[in-house]
Amino acid sequence: NAMSLRLPDGRMMAVVQIAGLIARRIVCSVSEGMQ
C-alpha cells in the first residue's frame, strides 16, 4: 500500500507499506486530502 505526501514547500515524498512472508493484512488509516 503506497502513500504519497506533499510537503508544505511542494516537494513530494512517499511511504510504502509492504506485506511480508507472514504478514497478510495492511492497515492504512489515512485518506487522500488529509493533513
Full PDB file with SEQRES, HELIX, SHEET, SSBOND, CRYST1, ORIGX, SCALE, CONECT and MASTER records, all heavy atoms in Angstrom:
SEQRES   1 A   35  ASN ALA MET SER LEU ARG LEU PRO ASP GLY ARG MET MET          
SEQRES   2 A   35  ALA VAL VAL GLN ILE ALA GLY LEU ILE ALA ARG ARG ILE          
SEQRES   3 A   35  VAL CYS SER VAL SER GLU GLY MET GLN                          
SHEET    1 AA1 2 ALA A   2  ARG A   6  0                                        
SHEET    2 AA1 2 MET A  12  VAL A  16 -1                                        
CRYST1    1.000    1.000    1.000  90.00  90.00  90.00 P 1           1          
ORIGX1      1.000000  0.000000  0.000000        0.00000                         
ORIGX2      0.000000  1.000000  0.000000        0.00000                         
ORIGX3      0.000000  0.000000  1.000000        0.00000                         
SCALE1      1.000000  0.000000  0.000000        0.00000                         
SCALE2      0.000000  1.000000  0.000000        0.00000                         
SCALE3      0.000000  0.000000  1.000000        0.00000                         
ATOM      1  N   ASN A   1       0.863  -1.179   0.000  1.00  0.00           N  
ATOM      2  CA  ASN A   1       0.000   0.000   0.000  1.00  0.00           C  
ATOM      3  C   ASN A   1       0.899   1.228   0.000  1.00  0.00           C  
ATOM      4  O   ASN A   1       1.713   1.416   0.910  1.00  0.00           O  
ATOM      5  CB  ASN A   1      -0.898   0.017   1.244  1.00  0.00           C  
ATOM      6  CG  ASN A   1      -1.897   1.152   1.221  1.00  0.00           C  
ATOM      7  OD1 ASN A   1      -2.850   1.124   0.452  1.00  0.00           O  
ATOM      8  ND2 ASN A   1      -1.690   2.162   2.047  1.00  0.00           N  
ATOM      9  N   ALA A   2       0.788   2.048  -1.029  1.00  0.00           N  
ATOM     10  CA  ALA A   2       1.667   3.211  -1.198  1.00  0.00           C  
ATOM     11  C   ALA A   2       0.920   4.499  -0.879  1.00  0.00           C  
ATOM     12  O   ALA A   2      -0.257   4.653  -1.206  1.00  0.00           O  
ATOM     13  CB  ALA A   2       2.217   3.263  -2.620  1.00  0.00           C  
ATOM     14  N   MET A   3       1.626   5.429  -0.247  1.00  0.00           N  
ATOM     15  CA  MET A   3       1.054   6.727   0.101  1.00  0.00           C  
ATOM     16  C   MET A   3       2.020   7.832  -0.323  1.00  0.00           C  
ATOM     17  O   MET A   3       3.201   7.788   0.014  1.00  0.00           O  
ATOM     18  CB  MET A   3       0.811   6.820   1.609  1.00  0.00           C  
ATOM     19  CG  MET A   3       0.320   8.185   2.072  1.00  0.00           C  
ATOM     20  SD  MET A   3       0.118   8.285   3.877  1.00  0.00           S  
ATOM     21  CE  MET A   3       1.827   8.440   4.413  1.00  0.00           C  
ATOM     22  N   SER A   4       1.519   8.794  -1.082  1.00  0.00           N  
ATOM     23  CA  SER A   4       2.345   9.946  -1.439  1.00  0.00           C  
ATOM     24  C   SER A   4       1.970  11.121  -0.552  1.00  0.00           C  
ATOM     25  O   SER A   4       0.811  11.274  -0.144  1.00  0.00           O  
ATOM     26  CB  SER A   4       2.170  10.321  -2.917  1.00  0.00           C  
ATOM     27  OG  SER A   4       0.824  10.628  -3.217  1.00  0.00           O  
ATOM     28  N   LEU A   5       2.973  11.938  -0.251  1.00  0.00           N  
ATOM     29  CA  LEU A   5       2.799  13.037   0.693  1.00  0.00           C  
ATOM     30  C   LEU A   5       3.409  14.308   0.110  1.00  0.00           C  
ATOM     31  O   LEU A   5       4.579  14.314  -0.289  1.00  0.00           O  
ATOM     32  CB  LEU A   5       3.489  12.668   2.002  1.00  0.00           C  
ATOM     33  CG  LEU A   5       3.348  13.581   3.209  1.00  0.00           C  
ATOM     34  CD1 LEU A   5       1.906  13.574   3.695  1.00  0.00           C  
ATOM     35  CD2 LEU A   5       4.276  13.110   4.327  1.00  0.00           C  
ATOM     36  N   ARG A   6       2.612  15.381   0.016  1.00  0.00           N  
ATOM     37  CA  ARG A   6       3.126  16.662  -0.459  1.00  0.00           C  
ATOM     38  C   ARG A   6       3.528  17.501   0.749  1.00  0.00           C  
ATOM     39  O   ARG A   6       2.710  17.804   1.619  1.00  0.00           O  
ATOM     40  CB  ARG A   6       2.090  17.415  -1.291  1.00  0.00           C  
ATOM     41  CG  ARG A   6       2.580  18.801  -1.730  1.00  0.00           C  
ATOM     42  CD  ARG A   6       1.596  19.537  -2.627  1.00  0.00           C  
ATOM     43  NE  ARG A   6       1.550  18.960  -3.966  1.00  0.00           N  
ATOM     44  CZ  ARG A   6       0.516  18.289  -4.470  1.00  0.00           C  
ATOM     45  NH1 ARG A   6      -0.582  18.110  -3.722  1.00  0.00           N  
ATOM     46  NH2 ARG A   6       0.544  17.804  -5.681  1.00  0.00           N  
ATOM     47  N   LEU A   7       4.800  17.879   0.797  1.00  0.00           N  
ATOM     48  CA  LEU A   7       5.304  18.699   1.890  1.00  0.00           C  
ATOM     49  C   LEU A   7       4.836  20.146   1.725  1.00  0.00           C  
ATOM     50  O   LEU A   7       4.397  20.541   0.633  1.00  0.00           O  
ATOM     51  CB  LEU A   7       6.826  18.632   1.915  1.00  0.00           C  
ATOM     52  CG  LEU A   7       7.440  17.237   2.005  1.00  0.00           C  
ATOM     53  CD1 LEU A   7       8.963  17.330   2.016  1.00  0.00           C  
ATOM     54  CD2 LEU A   7       6.928  16.506   3.223  1.00  0.00           C  
ATOM     55  N   PRO A   8       4.906  20.966   2.774  1.00  0.00           N  
ATOM     56  CA  PRO A   8       4.453  22.364   2.683  1.00  0.00           C  
ATOM     57  C   PRO A   8       5.136  23.164   1.576  1.00  0.00           C  
ATOM     58  O   PRO A   8       4.549  24.100   1.031  1.00  0.00           O  
ATOM     59  CB  PRO A   8       4.812  22.923   4.066  1.00  0.00           C  
ATOM     60  CG  PRO A   8       4.720  21.746   4.973  1.00  0.00           C  
ATOM     61  CD  PRO A   8       5.267  20.598   4.161  1.00  0.00           C  
ATOM     62  N   ASP A   9       6.388  22.797   1.215  1.00  0.00           N  
ATOM     63  CA  ASP A   9       7.086  23.532   0.155  1.00  0.00           C  
ATOM     64  C   ASP A   9       6.819  22.959  -1.233  1.00  0.00           C  
ATOM     65  O   ASP A   9       7.405  23.391  -2.219  1.00  0.00           O  
ATOM     66  CB  ASP A   9       8.598  23.556   0.419  1.00  0.00           C  
ATOM     67  CG  ASP A   9       9.215  22.169   0.476  1.00  0.00           C  
ATOM     68  OD1 ASP A   9       8.517  21.183   0.128  1.00  0.00           O  
ATOM     69  OD2 ASP A   9      10.397  22.052   0.869  1.00  0.00           O  
ATOM     70  N   GLY A  10       5.919  21.966  -1.325  1.00  0.00           N  
ATOM     71  CA  GLY A  10       5.524  21.413  -2.610  1.00  0.00           C  
ATOM     72  C   GLY A  10       6.266  20.148  -3.027  1.00  0.00           C  
ATOM     73  O   GLY A  10       5.852  19.470  -3.969  1.00  0.00           O  
ATOM     74  N   ARG A  11       7.348  19.831  -2.368  1.00  0.00           N  
ATOM     75  CA  ARG A  11       8.081  18.616  -2.723  1.00  0.00           C  
ATOM     76  C   ARG A  11       7.291  17.374  -2.326  1.00  0.00           C  
ATOM     77  O   ARG A  11       6.439  17.422  -1.439  1.00  0.00           O  
ATOM     78  CB  ARG A  11       9.455  18.613  -2.050  1.00  0.00           C  
ATOM     79  CG  ARG A  11      10.428  19.613  -2.641  1.00  0.00           C  
ATOM     80  CD  ARG A  11      11.789  19.535  -1.947  1.00  0.00           C  
ATOM     81  NE  ARG A  11      11.698  19.910  -0.529  1.00  0.00           N  
ATOM     82  CZ  ARG A  11      12.694  19.781   0.338  1.00  0.00           C  
ATOM     83  NH1 ARG A  11      13.856  19.273  -0.056  1.00  0.00           N  
ATOM     84  NH2 ARG A  11      12.544  20.156   1.596  1.00  0.00           N  
ATOM     85  N   MET A  12       7.603  16.260  -2.993  1.00  0.00           N  
ATOM     86  CA  MET A  12       6.869  15.021  -2.766  1.00  0.00           C  
ATOM     87  C   MET A  12       7.722  13.976  -2.065  1.00  0.00           C  
ATOM     88  O   MET A  12       8.929  13.887  -2.269  1.00  0.00           O  
ATOM     89  CB  MET A  12       6.363  14.453  -4.100  1.00  0.00           C  
ATOM     90  CG  MET A  12       5.408  15.370  -4.861  1.00  0.00           C  
ATOM     91  SD  MET A  12       3.873  15.687  -3.944  1.00  0.00           S  
ATOM     92  CE  MET A  12       3.166  14.031  -3.911  1.00  0.00           C  
ATOM     93  N   MET A  13       7.059  13.186  -1.249  1.00  0.00           N  
ATOM     94  CA  MET A  13       7.673  12.087  -0.505  1.00  0.00           C  
ATOM     95  C   MET A  13       6.686  10.924  -0.545  1.00  0.00           C  
ATOM     96  O   MET A  13       5.484  11.128  -0.730  1.00  0.00           O  
ATOM     97  CB  MET A  13       7.933  12.533   0.932  1.00  0.00           C  
ATOM     98  CG  MET A  13       8.468  11.478   1.861  1.00  0.00           C  
ATOM     99  SD  MET A  13       8.642  12.111   3.568  1.00  0.00           S  
ATOM    100  CE  MET A  13       9.995  13.256   3.361  1.00  0.00           C  
ATOM    101  N   ALA A  14       7.186   9.705  -0.403  1.00  0.00           N  
ATOM    102  CA  ALA A  14       6.288   8.555  -0.426  1.00  0.00           C  
ATOM    103  C   ALA A  14       6.684   7.540   0.639  1.00  0.00           C  
ATOM    104  O   ALA A  14       7.854   7.403   0.981  1.00  0.00           O  
ATOM    105  CB  ALA A  14       6.293   7.895  -1.809  1.00  0.00           C  
ATOM    106  N   VAL A  15       5.674   6.828   1.143  1.00  0.00           N  
ATOM    107  CA  VAL A  15       5.879   5.735   2.088  1.00  0.00           C  
ATOM    108  C   VAL A  15       5.102   4.542   1.555  1.00  0.00           C  
ATOM    109  O   VAL A  15       3.939   4.680   1.164  1.00  0.00           O  
ATOM    110  CB  VAL A  15       5.379   6.078   3.501  1.00  0.00           C  
ATOM    111  CG1 VAL A  15       5.646   4.915   4.442  1.00  0.00           C  
ATOM    112  CG2 VAL A  15       6.040   7.336   4.021  1.00  0.00           C  
ATOM    113  N   VAL A  16       5.739   3.376   1.534  1.00  0.00           N  
ATOM    114  CA  VAL A  16       5.081   2.169   1.039  1.00  0.00           C  
ATOM    115  C   VAL A  16       5.090   1.097   2.126  1.00  0.00           C  
ATOM    116  O   VAL A  16       6.151   0.729   2.632  1.00  0.00           O  
ATOM    117  CB  VAL A  16       5.774   1.630  -0.234  1.00  0.00           C  
ATOM    118  CG1 VAL A  16       5.010   0.415  -0.765  1.00  0.00           C  
ATOM    119  CG2 VAL A  16       5.860   2.705  -1.308  1.00  0.00           C  
ATOM    120  N   GLN A  17       3.911   0.618   2.484  1.00  0.00           N  
ATOM    121  CA  GLN A  17       3.763  -0.486   3.434  1.00  0.00           C  
ATOM    122  C   GLN A  17       3.759  -1.786   2.628  1.00  0.00           C  
ATOM    123  O   GLN A  17       2.953  -1.943   1.704  1.00  0.00           O  
ATOM    124  CB  GLN A  17       2.448  -0.358   4.199  1.00  0.00           C  
ATOM    125  CG  GLN A  17       2.289   0.916   5.004  1.00  0.00           C  
ATOM    126  CD  GLN A  17       0.854   1.088   5.465  1.00  0.00           C  
ATOM    127  OE1 GLN A  17      -0.016   1.442   4.681  1.00  0.00           O  
ATOM    128  NE2 GLN A  17       0.593   0.816   6.744  1.00  0.00           N  
ATOM    129  N   ILE A  18       4.640  -2.703   2.972  1.00  0.00           N  
ATOM    130  CA  ILE A  18       4.797  -3.935   2.191  1.00  0.00           C  
ATOM    131  C   ILE A  18       4.563  -5.149   3.080  1.00  0.00           C  
ATOM    132  O   ILE A  18       5.199  -5.295   4.123  1.00  0.00           O  
ATOM    133  CB  ILE A  18       6.200  -4.006   1.561  1.00  0.00           C  
ATOM    134  CG1 ILE A  18       6.447  -2.769   0.691  1.00  0.00           C  
ATOM    135  CG2 ILE A  18       6.359  -5.277   0.737  1.00  0.00           C  
ATOM    136  CD1 ILE A  18       7.875  -2.653   0.197  1.00  0.00           C  
ATOM    137  N   ALA A  19       3.662  -6.025   2.656  1.00  0.00           N  
ATOM    138  CA  ALA A  19       3.402  -7.251   3.400  1.00  0.00           C  
ATOM    139  C   ALA A  19       4.605  -8.177   3.275  1.00  0.00           C  
ATOM    140  O   ALA A  19       5.389  -8.084   2.329  1.00  0.00           O  
ATOM    141  CB  ALA A  19       2.156  -7.943   2.847  1.00  0.00           C  
ATOM    142  N   GLY A  20       4.760  -9.089   4.239  1.00  0.00           N  
ATOM    143  CA  GLY A  20       5.908  -9.988   4.235  1.00  0.00           C  
ATOM    144  C   GLY A  20       5.521 -11.443   4.151  1.00  0.00           C  
ATOM    145  O   GLY A  20       4.403 -11.788   3.746  1.00  0.00           O  
ATOM    146  N   LEU A  21       6.423 -12.308   4.558  1.00  0.00           N  
ATOM    147  CA  LEU A  21       6.231 -13.749   4.485  1.00  0.00           C  
ATOM    148  C   LEU A  21       5.073 -14.208   5.362  1.00  0.00           C  
ATOM    149  O   LEU A  21       4.325 -15.100   5.009  1.00  0.00           O  
ATOM    150  CB  LEU A  21       7.528 -14.450   4.913  1.00  0.00           C  
ATOM    151  CG  LEU A  21       7.574 -15.970   4.801  1.00  0.00           C  
ATOM    152  CD1 LEU A  21       7.490 -16.386   3.340  1.00  0.00           C  
ATOM    153  CD2 LEU A  21       8.857 -16.506   5.428  1.00  0.00           C  
ATOM    154  N   ILE A  22       4.933 -13.570   6.534  1.00  0.00           N  
ATOM    155  CA  ILE A  22       3.880 -13.953   7.471  1.00  0.00           C  
ATOM    156  C   ILE A  22       2.719 -12.964   7.431  1.00  0.00           C  
ATOM    157  O   ILE A  22       1.571 -13.326   7.627  1.00  0.00           O  
ATOM    158  CB  ILE A  22       4.442 -14.026   8.907  1.00  0.00           C  
ATOM    159  CG1 ILE A  22       5.619 -15.011   8.954  1.00  0.00           C  
ATOM    160  CG2 ILE A  22       3.373 -14.468   9.896  1.00  0.00           C  
ATOM    161  CD1 ILE A  22       6.311 -15.073  10.286  1.00  0.00           C  
ATOM    162  N   ALA A  23       3.042 -11.693   7.151  1.00  0.00           N  
ATOM    163  CA  ALA A  23       2.000 -10.654   7.143  1.00  0.00           C  
ATOM    164  C   ALA A  23       0.941 -10.946   6.086  1.00  0.00           C  
ATOM    165  O   ALA A  23       1.254 -11.357   4.987  1.00  0.00           O  
ATOM    166  CB  ALA A  23       2.618  -9.292   6.886  1.00  0.00           C  
ATOM    167  N   ARG A  24      -0.321 -10.719   6.435  1.00  0.00           N  
ATOM    168  CA  ARG A  24      -1.402 -10.941   5.480  1.00  0.00           C  
ATOM    169  C   ARG A  24      -2.422  -9.798   5.474  1.00  0.00           C  
ATOM    170  O   ARG A  24      -3.443  -9.897   4.820  1.00  0.00           O  
ATOM    171  CB  ARG A  24      -2.124 -12.267   5.812  1.00  0.00           C  
ATOM    172  CG  ARG A  24      -1.326 -13.516   5.465  1.00  0.00           C  
ATOM    173  CD  ARG A  24      -1.097 -13.615   3.956  1.00  0.00           C  
ATOM    174  NE  ARG A  24      -0.459 -14.859   3.568  1.00  0.00           N  
ATOM    175  CZ  ARG A  24       0.848 -15.051   3.544  1.00  0.00           C  
ATOM    176  NH1 ARG A  24       1.649 -14.062   3.900  1.00  0.00           N  
ATOM    177  NH2 ARG A  24       1.356 -16.194   3.159  1.00  0.00           N  
ATOM    178  N   ARG A  25      -2.106  -8.725   6.178  1.00  0.00           N  
ATOM    179  CA  ARG A  25      -3.050  -7.605   6.172  1.00  0.00           C  
ATOM    180  C   ARG A  25      -2.321  -6.298   6.413  1.00  0.00           C  
ATOM    181  O   ARG A  25      -1.556  -6.153   7.363  1.00  0.00           O  
ATOM    182  CB  ARG A  25      -4.131  -7.804   7.236  1.00  0.00           C  
ATOM    183  CG  ARG A  25      -5.073  -6.606   7.368  1.00  0.00           C  
ATOM    184  CD  ARG A  25      -6.385  -6.988   7.984  1.00  0.00           C  
ATOM    185  NE  ARG A  25      -7.177  -5.837   8.356  1.00  0.00           N  
ATOM    186  CZ  ARG A  25      -7.834  -5.043   7.493  1.00  0.00           C  
ATOM    187  NH1 ARG A  25      -7.767  -5.277   6.206  1.00  0.00           N  
ATOM    188  NH2 ARG A  25      -8.547  -4.032   7.938  1.00  0.00           N  
ATOM    189  N   ILE A  26      -2.581  -5.339   5.515  1.00  0.00           N  
ATOM    190  CA  ILE A  26      -2.028  -3.999   5.633  1.00  0.00           C  
ATOM    191  C   ILE A  26      -3.161  -3.058   6.030  1.00  0.00           C  
ATOM    192  O   ILE A  26      -4.215  -3.055   5.408  1.00  0.00           O  
ATOM    193  CB  ILE A  26      -1.401  -3.537   4.302  1.00  0.00           C  
ATOM    194  CG1 ILE A  26      -0.221  -4.436   3.934  1.00  0.00           C  
ATOM    195  CG2 ILE A  26      -0.955  -2.078   4.392  1.00  0.00           C  
ATOM    196  CD1 ILE A  26       0.372  -4.141   2.565  1.00  0.00           C  
ATOM    197  N   VAL A  27      -2.948  -2.279   7.063  1.00  0.00           N  
ATOM    198  CA  VAL A  27      -3.955  -1.327   7.535  1.00  0.00           C  
ATOM    199  C   VAL A  27      -3.445   0.087   7.288  1.00  0.00           C  
ATOM    200  O   VAL A  27      -2.332   0.428   7.684  1.00  0.00           O  
ATOM    201  CB  VAL A  27      -4.234  -1.521   9.039  1.00  0.00           C  
ATOM    202  CG1 VAL A  27      -5.244  -0.484   9.524  1.00  0.00           C  
ATOM    203  CG2 VAL A  27      -4.730  -2.931   9.311  1.00  0.00           C  
ATOM    204  N   CYS A  28      -4.248   0.907   6.618  1.00  0.00           N  
ATOM    205  CA  CYS A  28      -3.919   2.316   6.389  1.00  0.00           C  
ATOM    206  C   CYS A  28      -5.100   3.148   6.853  1.00  0.00           C  
ATOM    207  O   CYS A  28      -6.213   2.998   6.346  1.00  0.00           O  
ATOM    208  CB  CYS A  28      -3.629   2.579   4.911  1.00  0.00           C  
ATOM    209  SG  CYS A  28      -3.167   4.298   4.549  1.00  0.00           S  
ATOM    210  N   SER A  29      -4.877   4.024   7.826  1.00  0.00           N  
ATOM    211  CA  SER A  29      -5.976   4.761   8.453  1.00  0.00           C  
ATOM    212  C   SER A  29      -6.114   6.199   7.962  1.00  0.00           C  
ATOM    213  O   SER A  29      -6.912   6.958   8.512  1.00  0.00           O  
ATOM    214  CB  SER A  29      -5.798   4.760   9.974  1.00  0.00           C  
ATOM    215  OG  SER A  29      -4.525   5.302  10.326  1.00  0.00           O  
ATOM    216  N   VAL A  30      -5.343   6.588   6.959  1.00  0.00           N  
ATOM    217  CA  VAL A  30      -5.473   7.940   6.412  1.00  0.00           C  
ATOM    218  C   VAL A  30      -6.078   7.855   5.016  1.00  0.00           C  
ATOM    219  O   VAL A  30      -6.131   6.789   4.412  1.00  0.00           O  
ATOM    220  CB  VAL A  30      -4.108   8.675   6.343  1.00  0.00           C  
ATOM    221  CG1 VAL A  30      -3.531   8.832   7.736  1.00  0.00           C  
ATOM    222  CG2 VAL A  30      -3.137   7.932   5.435  1.00  0.00           C  
ATOM    223  N   SER A  31      -6.526   8.997   4.513  1.00  0.00           N  
ATOM    224  CA  SER A  31      -7.135   9.040   3.180  1.00  0.00           C  
ATOM    225  C   SER A  31      -6.615  10.246   2.408  1.00  0.00           C  
ATOM    226  O   SER A  31      -6.008  11.162   2.985  1.00  0.00           O  
ATOM    227  CB  SER A  31      -8.662   9.105   3.290  1.00  0.00           C  
ATOM    228  OG  SER A  31      -9.056  10.219   4.078  1.00  0.00           O  
ATOM    229  N   GLU A  32      -6.829  10.236   1.126  1.00  0.00           N  
ATOM    230  CA  GLU A  32      -6.346  11.314   0.266  1.00  0.00           C  
ATOM    231  C   GLU A  32      -6.953  12.655   0.679  1.00  0.00           C  
ATOM    232  O   GLU A  32      -8.129  12.758   0.990  1.00  0.00           O  
ATOM    233  CB  GLU A  32      -6.688  11.005  -1.192  1.00  0.00           C  
ATOM    234  CG  GLU A  32      -5.986   9.768  -1.721  1.00  0.00           C  
ATOM    235  CD  GLU A  32      -6.371   9.426  -3.144  1.00  0.00           C  
ATOM    236  OE1 GLU A  32      -7.096  10.226  -3.774  1.00  0.00           O  
ATOM    237  OE2 GLU A  32      -5.948   8.364  -3.645  1.00  0.00           O  
ATOM    238  N   GLY A  33      -6.114  13.676   0.707  1.00  0.00           N  
ATOM    239  CA  GLY A  33      -6.553  15.015   1.074  1.00  0.00           C  
ATOM    240  C   GLY A  33      -6.354  15.352   2.537  1.00  0.00           C  
ATOM    241  O   GLY A  33      -6.484  16.517   2.931  1.00  0.00           O  
ATOM    242  N   MET A  34      -6.015  14.363   3.360  1.00  0.00           N  
ATOM    243  CA  MET A  34      -5.831  14.604   4.799  1.00  0.00           C  
ATOM    244  C   MET A  34      -4.536  15.352   5.069  1.00  0.00           C  
ATOM    245  O   MET A  34      -3.521  15.120   4.422  1.00  0.00           O  
ATOM    246  CB  MET A  34      -5.821  13.284   5.566  1.00  0.00           C  
ATOM    247  CG  MET A  34      -7.181  12.643   5.753  1.00  0.00           C  
ATOM    248  SD  MET A  34      -7.109  11.140   6.804  1.00  0.00           S  
ATOM    249  CE  MET A  34      -6.513  11.833   8.352  1.00  0.00           C  
ATOM    250  N   GLN A  35      -4.586  16.253   6.048  1.00  0.00           N  
ATOM    251  CA  GLN A  35      -3.387  16.919   6.544  1.00  0.00           C  
ATOM    252  C   GLN A  35      -2.838  16.067   7.686  1.00  0.00           C  
ATOM    253  O   GLN A  35      -3.571  15.717   8.609  1.00  0.00           O  
ATOM    254  CB  GLN A  35      -3.739  18.319   7.071  1.00  0.00           C  
ATOM    255  CG  GLN A  35      -4.339  19.254   6.029  1.00  0.00           C  
ATOM    256  CD  GLN A  35      -3.298  19.747   5.033  1.00  0.00           C  
ATOM    257  OE1 GLN A  35      -2.123  19.882   5.375  1.00  0.00           O  
ATOM    258  NE2 GLN A  35      -3.724  20.002   3.814  1.00  0.00           N  
TER     259      GLN A  35                                                      
MASTER        0    0    0    0    2    0    0    6  258    1    0    3          
END                                                                             
